[in-house]
Amino acid sequence: METSPLERTESLEQLRALENGVKVHVLVTATGSPGIDTPEDATALEQKLAHAKQRMPL
């Protein structure tokens, strides 16, 4: 999908999906959620989730 004028104007990549008919789901959480804006952010979150999974009881 190509970047749309509205997406560029608002700087919201979700608008690309919405303008192309993709459903977007929103979840409200009590503690918020991490922002993932770079590959490094994604890697850090993956490591954090892997660590949390190791600590979870089976």
PDB file of N, CA and C in Angstrom:
ATOM      1  N   MET A   1       0.839  -1.180   0.000  1.00  0.00           N
ATOM      2  CA  MET A   1       0.000   0.000   0.000  1.00  0.00           C
ATOM      3  C   MET A   1       0.884   1.244   0.000  1.00  0.00           C
ATOM      4  N   GLU A   2       0.492   2.187  -0.783  1.00  0.00           N
ATOM      5  CA  GLU A   2       1.253   3.425  -0.850  1.00  0.00           C
ATOM      6  C   GLU A   2       0.780   4.408   0.216  1.00  0.00           C
ATOM      7  N   THR A   3       1.670   5.295   0.610  1.00  0.00           N
ATOM      8  CA  THR A   3       1.336   6.336   1.574  1.00  0.00           C
ATOM      9  C   THR A   3       0.288   7.257   0.968  1.00  0.00           C
ATOM     10  N   SER A   4      -0.731   7.568   1.755  1.00  0.00           N
ATOM     11  CA  SER A   4      -1.790   8.447   1.270  1.00  0.00           C
ATOM     12  C   SER A   4      -1.525   9.888   1.696  1.00  0.00           C
ATOM     13  N   PRO A   5      -2.160  10.843   1.030  1.00  0.00           N
ATOM     14  CA  PRO A   5      -2.004  12.244   1.441  1.00  0.00           C
ATOM     15  C   PRO A   5      -2.431  12.471   2.895  1.00  0.00           C
ATOM     16  N   LEU A   6      -3.524  11.827   3.322  1.00  0.00           N
ATOM     17  CA  LEU A   6      -3.985  12.002   4.705  1.00  0.00           C
ATOM     18  C   LEU A   6      -2.973  11.450   5.693  1.00  0.00           C
ATOM     19  N   GLU A   7      -2.398  10.296   5.383  1.00  0.00           N
ATOM     20  CA  GLU A   7      -1.375   9.721   6.255  1.00  0.00           C
ATOM     21  C   GLU A   7      -0.189  10.672   6.384  1.00  0.00           C
ATOM     22  N   ARG A   8       0.251  11.226   5.270  1.00  0.00           N
ATOM     23  CA  ARG A   8       1.376  12.173   5.308  1.00  0.00           C
ATOM     24  C   ARG A   8       1.021  13.417   6.110  1.00  0.00           C
ATOM     25  N   THR A   9      -0.188  13.919   5.948  1.00  0.00           N
ATOM     26  CA  THR A   9      -0.616  15.117   6.661  1.00  0.00           C
ATOM     27  C   THR A   9      -0.673  14.887   8.163  1.00  0.00           C
ATOM     28  N   GLU A  10      -1.244  13.766   8.561  1.00  0.00           N
ATOM     29  CA  GLU A  10      -1.464  13.486   9.982  1.00  0.00           C
ATOM     30  C   GLU A  10      -0.318  12.719  10.636  1.00  0.00           C
ATOM     31  N   SER A  11       0.602  12.178   9.849  1.00  0.00           N
ATOM     32  CA  SER A  11       1.704  11.357  10.351  1.00  0.00           C
ATOM     33  C   SER A  11       1.203  10.161  11.164  1.00  0.00           C
ATOM     34  N   LEU A  12       0.173   9.516  10.651  1.00  0.00           N
ATOM     35  CA  LEU A  12      -0.399   8.330  11.292  1.00  0.00           C
ATOM     36  C   LEU A  12      -0.453   7.191  10.281  1.00  0.00           C
ATOM     37  N   GLU A  13       0.411   6.195  10.451  1.00  0.00           N
ATOM     38  CA  GLU A  13       0.445   5.089   9.505  1.00  0.00           C
ATOM     39  C   GLU A  13      -0.831   4.256   9.527  1.00  0.00           C
ATOM     40  N   GLN A  14      -1.599   4.325  10.625  1.00  0.00           N
ATOM     41  CA  GLN A  14      -2.857   3.582  10.695  1.00  0.00           C
ATOM     42  C   GLN A  14      -3.832   4.049   9.619  1.00  0.00           C
ATOM     43  N   LEU A  15      -3.735   5.307   9.213  1.00  0.00           N
ATOM     44  CA  LEU A  15      -4.642   5.832   8.194  1.00  0.00           C
ATOM     45  C   LEU A  15      -4.456   5.130   6.858  1.00  0.00           C
ATOM     46  N   ARG A  16      -3.245   4.665   6.557  1.00  0.00           N
ATOM     47  CA  ARG A  16      -3.002   3.930   5.311  1.00  0.00           C
ATOM     48  C   ARG A  16      -3.858   2.677   5.302  1.00  0.00           C
ATOM     49  N   ALA A  17      -3.854   1.944   6.403  1.00  0.00           N
ATOM     50  CA  ALA A  17      -4.657   0.729   6.482  1.00  0.00           C
ATOM     51  C   ALA A  17      -6.145   1.056   6.397  1.00  0.00           C
ATOM     52  N   LEU A  18      -6.597   2.027   7.160  1.00  0.00           N
ATOM     53  CA  LEU A  18      -8.014   2.390   7.163  1.00  0.00           C
ATOM     54  C   LEU A  18      -8.491   2.819   5.776  1.00  0.00           C
ATOM     55  N   GLU A  19      -7.694   3.613   5.093  1.00  0.00           N
ATOM     56  CA  GLU A  19      -8.089   4.084   3.762  1.00  0.00           C
ATOM     57  C   GLU A  19      -8.086   2.971   2.722  1.00  0.00           C
ATOM     58  N   ASN A  20      -7.459   1.843   3.065  1.00  0.00           N
ATOM     59  CA  ASN A  20      -7.434   0.699   2.162  1.00  0.00           C
ATOM     60  C   ASN A  20      -8.352  -0.427   2.624  1.00  0.00           C
ATOM     61  N   GLY A  21      -9.265  -0.110   3.545  1.00  0.00           N
ATOM     62  CA  GLY A  21     -10.281  -1.066   3.961  1.00  0.00           C
ATOM     63  C   GLY A  21      -9.858  -2.074   5.006  1.00  0.00           C
ATOM     64  N   VAL A  22      -8.700  -1.887   5.612  1.00  0.00           N
ATOM     65  CA  VAL A  22      -8.242  -2.809   6.657  1.00  0.00           C
ATOM     66  C   VAL A  22      -8.863  -2.394   7.987  1.00  0.00           C
ATOM     67  N   LYS A  23      -9.373  -3.363   8.719  1.00  0.00           N
ATOM     68  CA  LYS A  23      -9.931  -3.076  10.035  1.00  0.00           C
ATOM     69  C   LYS A  23      -8.804  -2.883  11.035  1.00  0.00           C
ATOM     70  N   VAL A  24      -8.931  -1.869  11.871  1.00  0.00           N
ATOM     71  CA  VAL A  24      -7.948  -1.581  12.905  1.00  0.00           C
ATOM     72  C   VAL A  24      -8.643  -1.731  14.247  1.00  0.00           C
ATOM     73  N   HIS A  25      -8.036  -2.487  15.140  1.00  0.00           N
ATOM     74  CA  HIS A  25      -8.609  -2.704  16.466  1.00  0.00           C
ATOM     75  C   HIS A  25      -7.829  -1.893  17.485  1.00  0.00           C
ATOM     76  N   VAL A  26      -8.539  -1.373  18.456  1.00  0.00           N
ATOM     77  CA  VAL A  26      -7.932  -0.577  19.518  1.00  0.00           C
ATOM     78  C   VAL A  26      -8.211  -1.270  20.835  1.00  0.00           C
ATOM     79  N   LEU A  27      -7.213  -1.314  21.686  1.00  0.00           N
ATOM     80  CA  LEU A  27      -7.348  -1.936  22.998  1.00  0.00           C
ATOM     81  C   LEU A  27      -6.914  -0.934  24.043  1.00  0.00           C
ATOM     82  N   VAL A  28      -7.782  -0.678  25.002  1.00  0.00           N
ATOM     83  CA  VAL A  28      -7.447   0.201  26.112  1.00  0.00           C
ATOM     84  C   VAL A  28      -6.852  -0.665  27.222  1.00  0.00           C
ATOM     85  N   THR A  29      -5.706  -0.267  27.726  1.00  0.00           N
ATOM     86  CA  THR A  29      -5.054  -1.029  28.789  1.00  0.00           C
ATOM     87  C   THR A  29      -4.932  -0.182  30.048  1.00  0.00           C
ATOM     88  N   ALA A  30      -4.779  -0.840  31.156  1.00  0.00           N
ATOM     89  CA  ALA A  30      -4.647  -0.128  32.429  1.00  0.00           C
ATOM     90  C   ALA A  30      -3.261   0.494  32.581  1.00  0.00           C
ATOM     91  N   THR A  31      -2.266  -0.085  31.922  1.00  0.00           N
ATOM     92  CA  THR A  31      -0.892   0.384  32.129  1.00  0.00           C
ATOM     93  C   THR A  31      -0.274   1.024  30.898  1.00  0.00           C
ATOM     94  N   GLY A  32      -1.011   1.114  29.801  1.00  0.00           N
ATOM     95  CA  GLY A  32      -0.433   1.662  28.586  1.00  0.00           C
ATOM     96  C   GLY A  32       0.325   0.600  27.819  1.00  0.00           C
ATOM     97  N   SER A  33       0.987   1.026  26.770  1.00  0.00           N
ATOM     98  CA  SER A  33       1.756   0.086  25.971  1.00  0.00           C
ATOM     99  C   SER A  33       3.007   0.781  25.452  1.00  0.00           C
ATOM    100  N   PRO A  34       4.027  -0.001  25.147  1.00  0.00           N
ATOM    101  CA  PRO A  34       5.279   0.613  24.696  1.00  0.00           C
ATOM    102  C   PRO A  34       5.154   1.123  23.260  1.00  0.00           C
ATOM    103  N   GLY A  35       5.854   2.188  22.964  1.00  0.00           N
ATOM    104  CA  GLY A  35       5.922   2.684  21.597  1.00  0.00           C
ATOM    105  C   GLY A  35       7.018   1.947  20.846  1.00  0.00           C
ATOM    106  N   ILE A  36       6.739   1.522  19.637  1.00  0.00           N
ATOM    107  CA  ILE A  36       7.725   0.842  18.807  1.00  0.00           C
ATOM    108  C   ILE A  36       7.916   1.694  17.555  1.00  0.00           C
ATOM    109  N   ASP A  37       8.988   2.462  17.552  1.00  0.00           N
ATOM    110  CA  ASP A  37       9.235   3.376  16.446  1.00  0.00           C
ATOM    111  C   ASP A  37      10.496   3.056  15.653  1.00  0.00           C
ATOM    112  N   THR A  38      11.321   2.170  16.174  1.00  0.00           N
ATOM    113  CA  THR A  38      12.572   1.828  15.499  1.00  0.00           C
ATOM    114  C   THR A  38      12.804   0.323  15.628  1.00  0.00           C
ATOM    115  N   PRO A  39      13.678  -0.220  14.795  1.00  0.00           N
ATOM    116  CA  PRO A  39      14.031  -1.641  14.955  1.00  0.00           C
ATOM    117  C   PRO A  39      14.615  -1.927  16.340  1.00  0.00           C
ATOM    118  N   GLU A  40      15.331  -0.980  16.894  1.00  0.00           N
ATOM    119  CA  GLU A  40      15.901  -1.160  18.238  1.00  0.00           C
ATOM    120  C   GLU A  40      14.798  -1.252  19.287  1.00  0.00           C
ATOM    121  N   ASP A  41      13.740  -0.464  19.133  1.00  0.00           N
ATOM    122  CA  ASP A  41      12.596  -0.543  20.049  1.00  0.00           C
ATOM    123  C   ASP A  41      11.973  -1.934  19.986  1.00  0.00           C
ATOM    124  N   ALA A  42      11.826  -2.469  18.779  1.00  0.00           N
ATOM    125  CA  ALA A  42      11.233  -3.797  18.608  1.00  0.00           C
ATOM    126  C   ALA A  42      12.097  -4.865  19.265  1.00  0.00           C
ATOM    127  N   THR A  43      13.391  -4.772  19.078  1.00  0.00           N
ATOM    128  CA  THR A  43      14.315  -5.739  19.678  1.00  0.00           C
ATOM    129  C   THR A  43      14.249  -5.681  21.198  1.00  0.00           C
ATOM    130  N   ALA A  44      14.228  -4.466  21.745  1.00  0.00           N
ATOM    131  CA  ALA A  44      14.161  -4.309  23.201  1.00  0.00           C
ATOM    132  C   ALA A  44      12.870  -4.906  23.752  1.00  0.00           C
ATOM    133  N   LEU A  45      11.749  -4.692  23.063  1.00  0.00           N
ATOM    134  CA  LEU A  45      10.480  -5.259  23.526  1.00  0.00           C
ATOM    135  C   LEU A  45      10.486  -6.780  23.417  1.00  0.00           C
ATOM    136  N   GLU A  46      11.035  -7.315  22.331  1.00  0.00           N
ATOM    137  CA  GLU A  46      11.133  -8.767  22.188  1.00  0.00           C
ATOM    138  C   GLU A  46      11.923  -9.376  23.341  1.00  0.00           C
ATOM    139  N   GLN A  47      13.022  -8.741  23.721  1.00  0.00           N
ATOM    140  CA  GLN A  47      13.836  -9.240  24.832  1.00  0.00           C
ATOM    141  C   GLN A  47      13.064  -9.156  26.144  1.00  0.00           C
ATOM    142  N   LYS A  48      12.357  -8.070  26.340  1.00  0.00           N
ATOM    143  CA  LYS A  48      11.572  -7.898  27.566  1.00  0.00           C
ATOM    144  C   LYS A  48      10.467  -8.956  27.654  1.00  0.00           C
ATOM    145  N   LEU A  49       9.794  -9.216  26.536  1.00  0.00           N
ATOM    146  CA  LEU A  49       8.731 -10.220  26.533  1.00  0.00           C
ATOM    147  C   LEU A  49       9.299 -11.620  26.743  1.00  0.00           C
ATOM    148  N   ALA A  50      10.442 -11.916  26.143  1.00  0.00           N
ATOM    149  CA  ALA A  50      11.076 -13.224  26.337  1.00  0.00           C
ATOM    150  C   ALA A  50      11.454 -13.418  27.798  1.00  0.00           C
ATOM    151  N   HIS A  51      11.973 -12.376  28.418  1.00  0.00           N
ATOM    152  CA  HIS A  51      12.339 -12.449  29.831  1.00  0.00           C
ATOM    153  C   HIS A  51      11.094 -12.661  30.695  1.00  0.00           C
ATOM    154  N   ALA A  52      10.028 -11.945  30.392  1.00  0.00           N
ATOM    155  CA  ALA A  52       8.787 -12.089  31.164  1.00  0.00           C
ATOM    156  C   ALA A  52       8.200 -13.477  30.991  1.00  0.00           C
ATOM    157  N   LYS A  53       8.298 -14.036  29.788  1.00  0.00           N
ATOM    158  CA  LYS A  53       7.769 -15.374  29.526  1.00  0.00           C
ATOM    159  C   LYS A  53       8.527 -16.413  30.340  1.00  0.00           C
ATOM    160  N   GLN A  54       9.834 -16.241  30.495  1.00  0.00           N
ATOM    161  CA  GLN A  54      10.639 -17.197  31.259  1.00  0.00           C
ATOM    162  C   GLN A  54      10.231 -17.193  32.725  1.00  0.00           C
ATOM    163  N   ARG A  55       9.748 -16.064  33.224  1.00  0.00           N
ATOM    164  CA  ARG A  55       9.382 -15.948  34.633  1.00  0.00           C
ATOM    165  C   ARG A  55       7.959 -16.408  34.915  1.00  0.00           C
ATOM    166  N   MET A  56       7.156 -16.647  33.850  1.00  0.00           N
ATOM    167  CA  MET A  56       5.762 -17.040  34.041  1.00  0.00           C
ATOM    168  C   MET A  56       5.677 -18.505  34.429  1.00  0.00           C
ATOM    169  N   PRO A  57       4.827 -18.823  35.410  1.00  0.00           N
ATOM    170  CA  PRO A  57       4.635 -20.230  35.783  1.00  0.00           C
ATOM    171  C   PRO A  57       3.878 -20.971  34.692  1.00  0.00           C
ATOM    172  N   LEU A  58       4.171 -22.248  34.555  1.00  0.00           N
ATOM    173  CA  LEU A  58       3.487 -23.073  33.547  1.00  0.00           C
ATOM    174  C   LEU A  58       2.168 -23.557  34.013  1.00  0.00           C
TER     175      LEU A  58
END
